[in-house]
C-alpha cells in the first residue's frame, strides 16, 4: 500500500525537491570533456552538505559515492571514479538524491558532453526526455500506474527505442524507496489507482537497442547488453488537487513546461 503524505509532509518534500533540483542544475556547468566522474561526485557532495543536507546515495545499501554517474551504455547506478573521464560526444546521466530534514528529493537528467553528440545518443536522450513529459501529462487523481507506463512505452517504441523493465520509479517521502512501484511500461487502465497524497518518482530509462540490462561485477552498475546507449530523466511528484506538483522542477524546467503543453495539470512547488 502506498503511504499517503500529509500537507506538512509535502511541504517538507518541496524543500528537499528544490535542493535536489538546484544541485542538478549546479553540476550541469561542470559537465565538460576531461572532467572525471569523481570530480562530479565531489562537487555534488559538497554542494549538498554545505546546505545542511545529506547526499542520500552515500552508503545506501553499501553504495560508495554521493551521486550516480551513468555514461553512454550505462543504464543506471554508475559509480564515480577518478579514472573515468568525460569525452566529447558522451552522454551522462547524473542522478541526485538529497535528504533534507528527514525527507528525500530525487531527480536526474542526461547531459550532453560537448557539442558533437552521435545521432544514436541524441535519439535516446531526446526520447527519454519526451517520455517523462508524456508520463507527467497523464498523472492525476484516478488514473492508474499502467497509464503512466503506457504513455512512456508507446512513445519510446514509436521512436525505435526500448524501455528498461528491471528498474522502476518508486514512492518516496521519509523513506528513499517505498510503495508504489512505478513501472515505465504497461497497459492503460491497469495497476494501482493514483490518489491525492501519493508522492513518487517517474524515471524512465530508455535504451537504443535491447530493453534488458546486464549487471557488472560491482553489483551496482547496470549496462545495456548490446553496448547501445541508454538515457534517463527523473522527477519526484506529488498528487495534489486536480493535478500534480513536480517537486524537483525549477520554474523554467523544460520537461515540466513540455508536460503542461501536453495537458498536464502542473502546479509548481511553492515554498513558504
C-alpha atoms as a PDB file:
ATOM      1  CA  UNK A   1       0.000   0.000   0.000  1.00  0.00           C
ATOM      2  CA  UNK A   2       1.201   3.494  -0.810  1.00  0.00           C
ATOM      3  CA  UNK A   3       1.671   5.764   2.183  1.00  0.00           C
ATOM      4  CA  UNK A   4      -0.231   8.982   1.560  1.00  0.00           C
ATOM      5  CA  UNK A   5       1.510  12.203   2.512  1.00  0.00           C
ATOM      6  CA  UNK A   6       0.008  14.996   4.574  1.00  0.00           C
ATOM      7  CA  UNK A   7       0.196  18.645   3.563  1.00  0.00           C
ATOM      8  CA  UNK A   8       3.009  19.038   6.099  1.00  0.00           C
ATOM      9  CA  UNK A   9       4.894  16.112   4.551  1.00  0.00           C
ATOM     10  CA  UNK A  10       4.553  17.597   1.094  1.00  0.00           C
ATOM     11  CA  UNK A  11       5.747  20.964   2.298  1.00  0.00           C
ATOM     12  CA  UNK A  12       8.914  19.335   3.631  1.00  0.00           C
ATOM     13  CA  UNK A  13       9.338  17.418   0.388  1.00  0.00           C
ATOM     14  CA  UNK A  14       9.119  20.654  -1.569  1.00  0.00           C
ATOM     15  CA  UNK A  15      12.254  21.870   0.171  1.00  0.00           C
ATOM     16  CA  UNK A  16      14.100  18.594  -0.433  1.00  0.00           C
ATOM     17  CA  UNK A  17      12.972  18.530  -4.054  1.00  0.00           C
ATOM     18  CA  UNK A  18      14.058  22.114  -4.608  1.00  0.00           C
ATOM     19  CA  UNK A  19      17.531  21.393  -3.256  1.00  0.00           C
ATOM     20  CA  UNK A  20      17.848  18.307  -5.449  1.00  0.00           C
ATOM     21  CA  UNK A  21      16.848  20.367  -8.488  1.00  0.00           C
ATOM     22  CA  UNK A  22      19.275  23.141  -7.625  1.00  0.00           C
ATOM     23  CA  UNK A  23      22.060  20.608  -7.140  1.00  0.00           C
ATOM     24  CA  UNK A  24      21.405  19.062 -10.535  1.00  0.00           C
ATOM     25  CA  UNK A  25      21.394  22.477 -12.182  1.00  0.00           C
ATOM     26  CA  UNK A  26      24.624  23.415 -10.401  1.00  0.00           C
ATOM     27  CA  UNK A  27      26.506  20.322 -11.540  1.00  0.00           C
ATOM     28  CA  UNK A  28      25.462  20.827 -15.148  1.00  0.00           C
ATOM     29  CA  UNK A  29      28.017  23.597 -15.649  1.00  0.00           C
ATOM     30  CA  UNK A  30      30.835  21.149 -14.866  1.00  0.00           C
ATOM     31  CA  UNK A  31      29.829  18.536 -17.443  1.00  0.00           C
ATOM     32  CA  UNK A  32      32.683  19.002 -19.911  1.00  0.00           C
ATOM     33  CA  UNK A  33      35.259  16.846 -21.685  1.00  0.00           C
ATOM     34  CA  UNK A  34      38.123  15.929 -19.388  1.00  0.00           C
ATOM     35  CA  UNK A  35      36.163  16.144 -16.132  1.00  0.00           C
ATOM     36  CA  UNK A  36      36.215  12.934 -14.091  1.00  0.00           C
ATOM     37  CA  UNK A  37      33.128  11.406 -12.555  1.00  0.00           C
ATOM     38  CA  UNK A  38      34.937  11.591  -9.205  1.00  0.00           C
ATOM     39  CA  UNK A  39      35.122  15.389  -9.606  1.00  0.00           C
ATOM     40  CA  UNK A  40      31.379  15.419 -10.292  1.00  0.00           C
ATOM     41  CA  UNK A  41      30.838  13.382  -7.133  1.00  0.00           C
ATOM     42  CA  UNK A  42      32.910  15.798  -5.035  1.00  0.00           C
ATOM     43  CA  UNK A  43      31.099  18.862  -6.359  1.00  0.00           C
ATOM     44  CA  UNK A  44      27.680  17.315  -5.750  1.00  0.00           C
ATOM     45  CA  UNK A  45      28.651  16.109  -2.276  1.00  0.00           C
ATOM     46  CA  UNK A  46      29.978  19.486  -1.183  1.00  0.00           C
ATOM     47  CA  UNK A  47      27.036  21.430  -2.622  1.00  0.00           C
ATOM     48  CA  UNK A  48      24.531  19.294  -0.716  1.00  0.00           C
ATOM     49  CA  UNK A  49      26.406  19.175   2.577  1.00  0.00           C
ATOM     50  CA  UNK A  50      27.072  22.912   2.574  1.00  0.00           C
ATOM     51  CA  UNK A  51      23.305  23.426   2.510  1.00  0.00           C
ATOM     52  CA  UNK A  52      22.634  21.326   5.559  1.00  0.00           C
ATOM     53  CA  UNK A  53      21.527  18.170   3.762  1.00  0.00           C
ATOM     54  CA  UNK A  54      22.915  14.703   3.137  1.00  0.00           C
ATOM     55  CA  UNK A  55      23.675  13.049  -0.245  1.00  0.00           C
ATOM     56  CA  UNK A  56      21.292  10.116   0.034  1.00  0.00           C
ATOM     57  CA  UNK A  57      23.131   7.558  -2.141  1.00  0.00           C
ATOM     58  CA  UNK A  58      26.234   7.656   0.089  1.00  0.00           C
ATOM     59  CA  UNK A  59      26.383   4.353   1.996  1.00  0.00           C
ATOM     60  CA  UNK A  60      22.831   3.466   0.924  1.00  0.00           C
ATOM     61  CA  UNK A  61      22.877  -0.338   0.935  1.00  0.00           C
ATOM     62  CA  UNK A  62      26.643  -0.072   0.508  1.00  0.00           C
ATOM     63  CA  UNK A  63      26.755   2.363  -2.424  1.00  0.00           C
ATOM     64  CA  UNK A  64      30.150   4.070  -2.042  1.00  0.00           C
ATOM     65  CA  UNK A  65      29.530   7.516  -3.521  1.00  0.00           C
ATOM     66  CA  UNK A  66      27.250  10.549  -3.194  1.00  0.00           C
ATOM     67  CA  UNK A  67      25.810  10.539  -6.724  1.00  0.00           C
ATOM     68  CA  UNK A  68      25.281   8.129  -9.618  1.00  0.00           C
ATOM     69  CA  UNK A  69      27.088   8.896 -12.890  1.00  0.00           C
ATOM     70  CA  UNK A  70      25.998   6.733 -15.836  1.00  0.00           C
ATOM     71  CA  UNK A  71      27.802   7.224 -19.158  1.00  0.00           C
ATOM     72  CA  UNK A  72      26.688   6.092 -22.635  1.00  0.00           C
ATOM     73  CA  UNK A  73      25.720   2.390 -22.348  1.00  0.00           C
ATOM     74  CA  UNK A  74      25.393   2.529 -18.550  1.00  0.00           C
ATOM     75  CA  UNK A  75      21.690   2.396 -17.724  1.00  0.00           C
ATOM     76  CA  UNK A  76      21.920   3.434 -14.079  1.00  0.00           C
ATOM     77  CA  UNK A  77      23.891   3.397 -10.817  1.00  0.00           C
ATOM     78  CA  UNK A  78      27.264   4.154 -12.359  1.00  0.00           C
ATOM     79  CA  UNK A  79      29.869   4.632  -9.610  1.00  0.00           C
ATOM     80  CA  UNK A  80      32.041   7.769  -9.825  1.00  0.00           C
ATOM     81  CA  UNK A  81      35.753   7.065 -10.238  1.00  0.00           C
ATOM     82  CA  UNK A  82      38.790   9.345 -10.661  1.00  0.00           C
ATOM     83  CA  UNK A  83      39.958   7.462 -13.754  1.00  0.00           C
ATOM     84  CA  UNK A  84      36.619   7.708 -15.569  1.00  0.00           C
ATOM     85  CA  UNK A  85      36.669  10.974 -17.510  1.00  0.00           C
ATOM     86  CA  UNK A  86      34.101  12.515 -19.795  1.00  0.00           C
ATOM     87  CA  UNK A  87      34.847  12.615 -23.506  1.00  0.00           C
ATOM     88  CA  UNK A  88      33.476  14.751 -26.321  1.00  0.00           C
ATOM     89  CA  UNK A  89      30.289  13.121 -27.596  1.00  0.00           C
ATOM     90  CA  UNK A  90      29.424  11.255 -24.404  1.00  0.00           C
ATOM     91  CA  UNK A  91      26.063  11.346 -22.705  1.00  0.00           C
ATOM     92  CA  UNK A  92      25.938  11.119 -18.910  1.00  0.00           C
ATOM     93  CA  UNK A  93      23.026  10.684 -16.567  1.00  0.00           C
ATOM     94  CA  UNK A  94      23.589  12.334 -13.193  1.00  0.00           C
ATOM     95  CA  UNK A  95      21.188  11.067 -10.545  1.00  0.00           C
ATOM     96  CA  UNK A  96      20.925  13.310  -7.475  1.00  0.00           C
ATOM     97  CA  UNK A  97      19.071  12.494  -4.268  1.00  0.00           C
ATOM     98  CA  UNK A  98      19.198  14.614  -1.128  1.00  0.00           C
ATOM     99  CA  UNK A  99      17.959  14.038   2.402  1.00  0.00           C
ATOM    100  CA  UNK A 100      16.856  17.305   3.990  1.00  0.00           C
ATOM    101  CA  UNK A 101      15.253  17.390   7.436  1.00  0.00           C
ATOM    102  CA  UNK A 102      14.414  13.714   7.115  1.00  0.00           C
ATOM    103  CA  UNK A 103      12.757  13.918   3.673  1.00  0.00           C
ATOM    104  CA  UNK A 104      14.053  12.826   0.284  1.00  0.00           C
ATOM    105  CA  UNK A 105      14.174  14.631  -3.052  1.00  0.00           C
ATOM    106  CA  UNK A 106      15.199  12.587  -6.100  1.00  0.00           C
ATOM    107  CA  UNK A 107      15.892  13.775  -9.650  1.00  0.00           C
ATOM    108  CA  UNK A 108      18.133  13.072 -12.609  1.00  0.00           C
ATOM    109  CA  UNK A 109      18.830  14.135 -16.157  1.00  0.00           C
ATOM    110  CA  UNK A 110      21.037  13.119 -19.044  1.00  0.00           C
ATOM    111  CA  UNK A 111      23.565  15.704 -20.174  1.00  0.00           C
ATOM    112  CA  UNK A 112      25.428  16.028 -23.456  1.00  0.00           C
ATOM    113  CA  UNK A 113      29.208  16.247 -23.151  1.00  0.00           C
ATOM    114  CA  UNK A 114      30.469  18.776 -25.681  1.00  0.00           C
ATOM    115  CA  UNK A 115      28.760  19.544 -28.962  1.00  0.00           C
ATOM    116  CA  UNK A 116      29.362  16.578 -31.267  1.00  0.00           C
ATOM    117  CA  UNK A 117      26.881  14.002 -29.994  1.00  0.00           C
ATOM    118  CA  UNK A 118      26.357  10.867 -32.126  1.00  0.00           C
ATOM    119  CA  UNK A 119      22.856  10.509 -33.533  1.00  0.00           C
ATOM    120  CA  UNK A 120      22.047   7.330 -31.591  1.00  0.00           C
ATOM    121  CA  UNK A 121      22.881   9.023 -28.283  1.00  0.00           C
ATOM    122  CA  UNK A 122      20.816  12.074 -29.206  1.00  0.00           C
ATOM    123  CA  UNK A 123      17.877   9.841 -30.078  1.00  0.00           C
ATOM    124  CA  UNK A 124      17.742   8.003 -26.749  1.00  0.00           C
ATOM    125  CA  UNK A 125      18.244  11.242 -24.818  1.00  0.00           C
ATOM    126  CA  UNK A 126      15.502  13.129 -26.607  1.00  0.00           C
ATOM    127  CA  UNK A 127      13.201  10.106 -26.381  1.00  0.00           C
ATOM    128  CA  UNK A 128      13.779   9.706 -22.630  1.00  0.00           C
ATOM    129  CA  UNK A 129      13.086  13.406 -22.037  1.00  0.00           C
ATOM    130  CA  UNK A 130       9.871  13.396 -24.033  1.00  0.00           C
ATOM    131  CA  UNK A 131       8.800  10.103 -22.455  1.00  0.00           C
ATOM    132  CA  UNK A 132       8.967  11.644 -18.996  1.00  0.00           C
ATOM    133  CA  UNK A 133       6.987  14.686 -20.131  1.00  0.00           C
ATOM    134  CA  UNK A 134       4.293  12.433 -21.592  1.00  0.00           C
ATOM    135  CA  UNK A 135       4.155  10.383 -18.403  1.00  0.00           C
ATOM    136  CA  UNK A 136       3.713  13.508 -16.294  1.00  0.00           C
ATOM    137  CA  UNK A 137       0.957  14.671 -18.615  1.00  0.00           C
ATOM    138  CA  UNK A 138      -1.265  11.705 -17.714  1.00  0.00           C
ATOM    139  CA  UNK A 139      -0.745  11.883 -13.935  1.00  0.00           C
ATOM    140  CA  UNK A 140      -3.770  12.937 -11.904  1.00  0.00           C
ATOM    141  CA  UNK A 141      -6.110  11.543  -9.270  1.00  0.00           C
ATOM    142  CA  UNK A 142      -7.893   8.443 -10.533  1.00  0.00           C
ATOM    143  CA  UNK A 143      -5.580   7.281 -13.317  1.00  0.00           C
ATOM    144  CA  UNK A 144      -3.615   4.061 -12.954  1.00  0.00           C
ATOM    145  CA  UNK A 145       0.056   3.172 -12.965  1.00  0.00           C
ATOM    146  CA  UNK A 146      -0.452   1.304 -16.231  1.00  0.00           C
ATOM    147  CA  UNK A 147      -1.475   4.605 -17.837  1.00  0.00           C
ATOM    148  CA  UNK A 148       1.908   6.094 -16.918  1.00  0.00           C
ATOM    149  CA  UNK A 149       3.785   3.085 -18.258  1.00  0.00           C
ATOM    150  CA  UNK A 150       1.762   3.025 -21.460  1.00  0.00           C
ATOM    151  CA  UNK A 151       2.473   6.705 -22.169  1.00  0.00           C
ATOM    152  CA  UNK A 152       6.206   6.033 -21.878  1.00  0.00           C
ATOM    153  CA  UNK A 153       6.333   2.719 -23.706  1.00  0.00           C
ATOM    154  CA  UNK A 154       4.088   3.804 -26.554  1.00  0.00           C
ATOM    155  CA  UNK A 155       6.207   6.855 -27.288  1.00  0.00           C
ATOM    156  CA  UNK A 156       9.625   5.235 -26.806  1.00  0.00           C
ATOM    157  CA  UNK A 157       8.838   2.282 -29.037  1.00  0.00           C
ATOM    158  CA  UNK A 158       7.436   4.585 -31.718  1.00  0.00           C
ATOM    159  CA  UNK A 159      10.940   6.076 -31.895  1.00  0.00           C
ATOM    160  CA  UNK A 160      12.601   2.686 -32.280  1.00  0.00           C
ATOM    161  CA  UNK A 161      13.823   2.648 -28.680  1.00  0.00           C
ATOM    162  CA  UNK A 162      13.016   0.317 -25.797  1.00  0.00           C
ATOM    163  CA  UNK A 163      12.029   0.722 -22.145  1.00  0.00           C
ATOM    164  CA  UNK A 164      14.074  -0.855 -19.367  1.00  0.00           C
ATOM    165  CA  UNK A 165      11.924  -3.097 -17.184  1.00  0.00           C
ATOM    166  CA  UNK A 166      14.403  -4.061 -14.465  1.00  0.00           C
ATOM    167  CA  UNK A 167      14.263  -0.689 -12.692  1.00  0.00           C
ATOM    168  CA  UNK A 168      11.191   1.333 -11.727  1.00  0.00           C
ATOM    169  CA  UNK A 169      10.107   4.594 -10.192  1.00  0.00           C
ATOM    170  CA  UNK A 170       9.116   4.471  -6.553  1.00  0.00           C
ATOM    171  CA  UNK A 171       7.220   6.044  -3.723  1.00  0.00           C
ATOM    172  CA  UNK A 172       9.266   8.486  -1.688  1.00  0.00           C
ATOM    173  CA  UNK A 173       8.966  10.642   1.417  1.00  0.00           C
ATOM    174  CA  UNK A 174      10.702   9.936   4.698  1.00  0.00           C
ATOM    175  CA  UNK A 175      11.783   6.678   3.074  1.00  0.00           C
ATOM    176  CA  UNK A 176      14.020   6.656  -0.019  1.00  0.00           C
ATOM    177  CA  UNK A 177      12.220   3.783  -1.772  1.00  0.00           C
ATOM    178  CA  UNK A 178       8.684   2.743  -0.835  1.00  0.00           C
ATOM    179  CA  UNK A 179       5.401   1.780  -2.499  1.00  0.00           C
ATOM    180  CA  UNK A 180       4.124   2.269  -5.096  1.00  0.00           C
ATOM    181  CA  UNK A 181       6.462   0.852  -7.752  1.00  0.00           C
ATOM    182  CA  UNK A 182       6.059   2.900 -10.927  1.00  0.00           C
ATOM    183  CA  UNK A 183       6.673   0.711 -13.961  1.00  0.00           C
ATOM    184  CA  UNK A 184       7.641   2.511 -17.158  1.00  0.00           C
ATOM    185  CA  UNK A 185       5.761   0.132 -19.426  1.00  0.00           C
ATOM    186  CA  UNK A 186       2.243  -1.219 -19.253  1.00  0.00           C
ATOM    187  CA  UNK A 187      -1.341  -1.233 -20.428  1.00  0.00           C
ATOM    188  CA  UNK A 188      -3.862   1.568 -19.924  1.00  0.00           C
ATOM    189  CA  UNK A 189      -6.334   1.082 -17.116  1.00  0.00           C
ATOM    190  CA  UNK A 190      -4.215  -1.434 -15.206  1.00  0.00           C
ATOM    191  CA  UNK A 191      -2.312  -1.298 -11.957  1.00  0.00           C
ATOM    192  CA  UNK A 192      -2.763   0.678  -8.764  1.00  0.00           C
ATOM    193  CA  UNK A 193      -5.012   3.728  -8.905  1.00  0.00           C
ATOM    194  CA  UNK A 194      -3.325   7.064  -8.195  1.00  0.00           C
ATOM    195  CA  UNK A 195      -4.884   9.157  -5.439  1.00  0.00           C
ATOM    196  CA  UNK A 196      -4.180  12.548  -3.887  1.00  0.00           C
ATOM    197  CA  UNK A 197      -1.387  12.467  -1.367  1.00  0.00           C
ATOM    198  CA  UNK A 198       0.781   9.995  -3.263  1.00  0.00           C
ATOM    199  CA  UNK A 199       4.383  11.047  -3.837  1.00  0.00           C
ATOM    200  CA  UNK A 200       6.615   9.102  -6.185  1.00  0.00           C
ATOM    201  CA  UNK A 201       9.309   9.298  -8.824  1.00  0.00           C
ATOM    202  CA  UNK A 202       8.942   8.680 -12.531  1.00  0.00           C
ATOM    203  CA  UNK A 203      12.315   7.863 -14.092  1.00  0.00           C
ATOM    204  CA  UNK A 204      12.115   6.111 -17.468  1.00  0.00           C
ATOM    205  CA  UNK A 205      15.339   4.522 -18.674  1.00  0.00           C
ATOM    206  CA  UNK A 206      15.339   4.320 -22.453  1.00  0.00           C
ATOM    207  CA  UNK A 207      17.697   2.076 -24.425  1.00  0.00           C
ATOM    208  CA  UNK A 208      18.713   2.425 -28.037  1.00  0.00           C
ATOM    209  CA  UNK A 209      18.531  -1.342 -28.543  1.00  0.00           C
ATOM    210  CA  UNK A 210      17.648  -4.297 -26.324  1.00  0.00           C
ATOM    211  CA  UNK A 211      15.474  -3.352 -23.308  1.00  0.00           C
ATOM    212  CA  UNK A 212      17.260  -5.749 -20.992  1.00  0.00           C
ATOM    213  CA  UNK A 213      20.097  -4.873 -18.617  1.00  0.00           C
ATOM    214  CA  UNK A 214      23.309  -6.550 -17.529  1.00  0.00           C
ATOM    215  CA  UNK A 215      24.810  -6.087 -14.074  1.00  0.00           C
ATOM    216  CA  UNK A 216      28.558  -5.557 -13.751  1.00  0.00           C
ATOM    217  CA  UNK A 217      30.670  -7.291 -11.126  1.00  0.00           C
ATOM    218  CA  UNK A 218      30.491  -4.297  -8.766  1.00  0.00           C
ATOM    219  CA  UNK A 219      26.871  -5.219  -8.088  1.00  0.00           C
ATOM    220  CA  UNK A 220      25.607  -1.719  -8.882  1.00  0.00           C
ATOM    221  CA  UNK A 221      26.373  -0.687 -12.445  1.00  0.00           C
ATOM    222  CA  UNK A 222      23.712  -1.787 -14.952  1.00  0.00           C
ATOM    223  CA  UNK A 223      24.617  -1.613 -18.653  1.00  0.00           C
ATOM    224  CA  UNK A 224      22.868  -2.387 -21.907  1.00  0.00           C
ATOM    225  CA  UNK A 225      23.555  -5.936 -23.120  1.00  0.00           C
ATOM    226  CA  UNK A 226      24.373  -4.814 -26.659  1.00  0.00           C
ATOM    227  CA  UNK A 227      26.513  -1.769 -25.897  1.00  0.00           C
ATOM    228  CA  UNK A 228      23.943   0.656 -27.290  1.00  0.00           C
ATOM    229  CA  UNK A 229      23.294   3.927 -25.429  1.00  0.00           C
ATOM    230  CA  UNK A 230      20.798   4.476 -22.629  1.00  0.00           C
ATOM    231  CA  UNK A 231      19.349   7.717 -21.245  1.00  0.00           C
ATOM    232  CA  UNK A 232      17.167   8.682 -18.298  1.00  0.00           C
ATOM    233  CA  UNK A 233      15.321  11.664 -16.850  1.00  0.00           C
ATOM    234  CA  UNK A 234      13.592  11.707 -13.464  1.00  0.00           C
ATOM    235  CA  UNK A 235      11.288  13.880 -11.385  1.00  0.00           C
ATOM    236  CA  UNK A 236       9.643  13.477  -7.988  1.00  0.00           C
ATOM    237  CA  UNK A 237       5.950  14.402  -7.997  1.00  0.00           C
ATOM    238  CA  UNK A 238       3.075  14.795  -5.541  1.00  0.00           C
ATOM    239  CA  UNK A 239      -0.566  14.330  -6.462  1.00  0.00           C
ATOM    240  CA  UNK A 240      -2.413  17.412  -5.257  1.00  0.00           C
ATOM    241  CA  UNK A 241      -5.838  18.842  -6.053  1.00  0.00           C
ATOM    242  CA  UNK A 242      -6.765  18.017  -9.635  1.00  0.00           C
ATOM    243  CA  UNK A 243      -3.190  17.569 -10.815  1.00  0.00           C
ATOM    244  CA  UNK A 244       0.414  17.296  -9.694  1.00  0.00           C
ATOM    245  CA  UNK A 245       3.270  19.235  -8.217  1.00  0.00           C
ATOM    246  CA  UNK A 246       6.622  18.397  -9.759  1.00  0.00           C
ATOM    247  CA  UNK A 247       8.639  18.727  -6.582  1.00  0.00           C
ATOM    248  CA  UNK A 248      12.010  18.636  -8.360  1.00  0.00           C
ATOM    249  CA  UNK A 249      11.155  21.174 -11.068  1.00  0.00           C
ATOM    250  CA  UNK A 250      12.528  24.697 -11.060  1.00  0.00           C
ATOM    251  CA  UNK A 251      10.288  27.344 -12.682  1.00  0.00           C
ATOM    252  CA  UNK A 252      11.921  27.054 -16.121  1.00  0.00           C
ATOM    253  CA  UNK A 253      12.193  23.253 -16.145  1.00  0.00           C
ATOM    254  CA  UNK A 254      11.765  22.181 -19.793  1.00  0.00           C
ATOM    255  CA  UNK A 255      10.160  18.825 -19.000  1.00  0.00           C
ATOM    256  CA  UNK A 256       7.590  20.415 -16.705  1.00  0.00           C
ATOM    257  CA  UNK A 257       6.833  23.058 -19.332  1.00  0.00           C
ATOM    258  CA  UNK A 258       6.501  20.386 -22.000  1.00  0.00           C
ATOM    259  CA  UNK A 259       4.189  18.327 -19.767  1.00  0.00           C
ATOM    260  CA  UNK A 260       1.963  21.352 -19.264  1.00  0.00           C
ATOM    261  CA  UNK A 261       1.877  21.916 -23.031  1.00  0.00           C
ATOM    262  CA  UNK A 262       0.733  18.313 -23.389  1.00  0.00           C
ATOM    263  CA  UNK A 263      -2.156  18.956 -20.995  1.00  0.00           C
ATOM    264  CA  UNK A 264      -0.730  18.186 -17.590  1.00  0.00           C
ATOM    265  CA  UNK A 265      -2.309  19.956 -14.630  1.00  0.00           C
ATOM    266  CA  UNK A 266       1.037  21.083 -13.240  1.00  0.00           C
ATOM    267  CA  UNK A 267       1.424  23.291 -10.179  1.00  0.00           C
ATOM    268  CA  UNK A 268       4.954  24.426  -9.431  1.00  0.00           C
ATOM    269  CA  UNK A 269       6.014  23.952  -5.803  1.00  0.00           C
ATOM    270  CA  UNK A 270       5.567  26.996  -3.616  1.00  0.00           C
ATOM    271  CA  UNK A 271       7.981  27.194  -0.692  1.00  0.00           C
ATOM    272  CA  UNK A 272       6.630  29.089   2.309  1.00  0.00           C
END
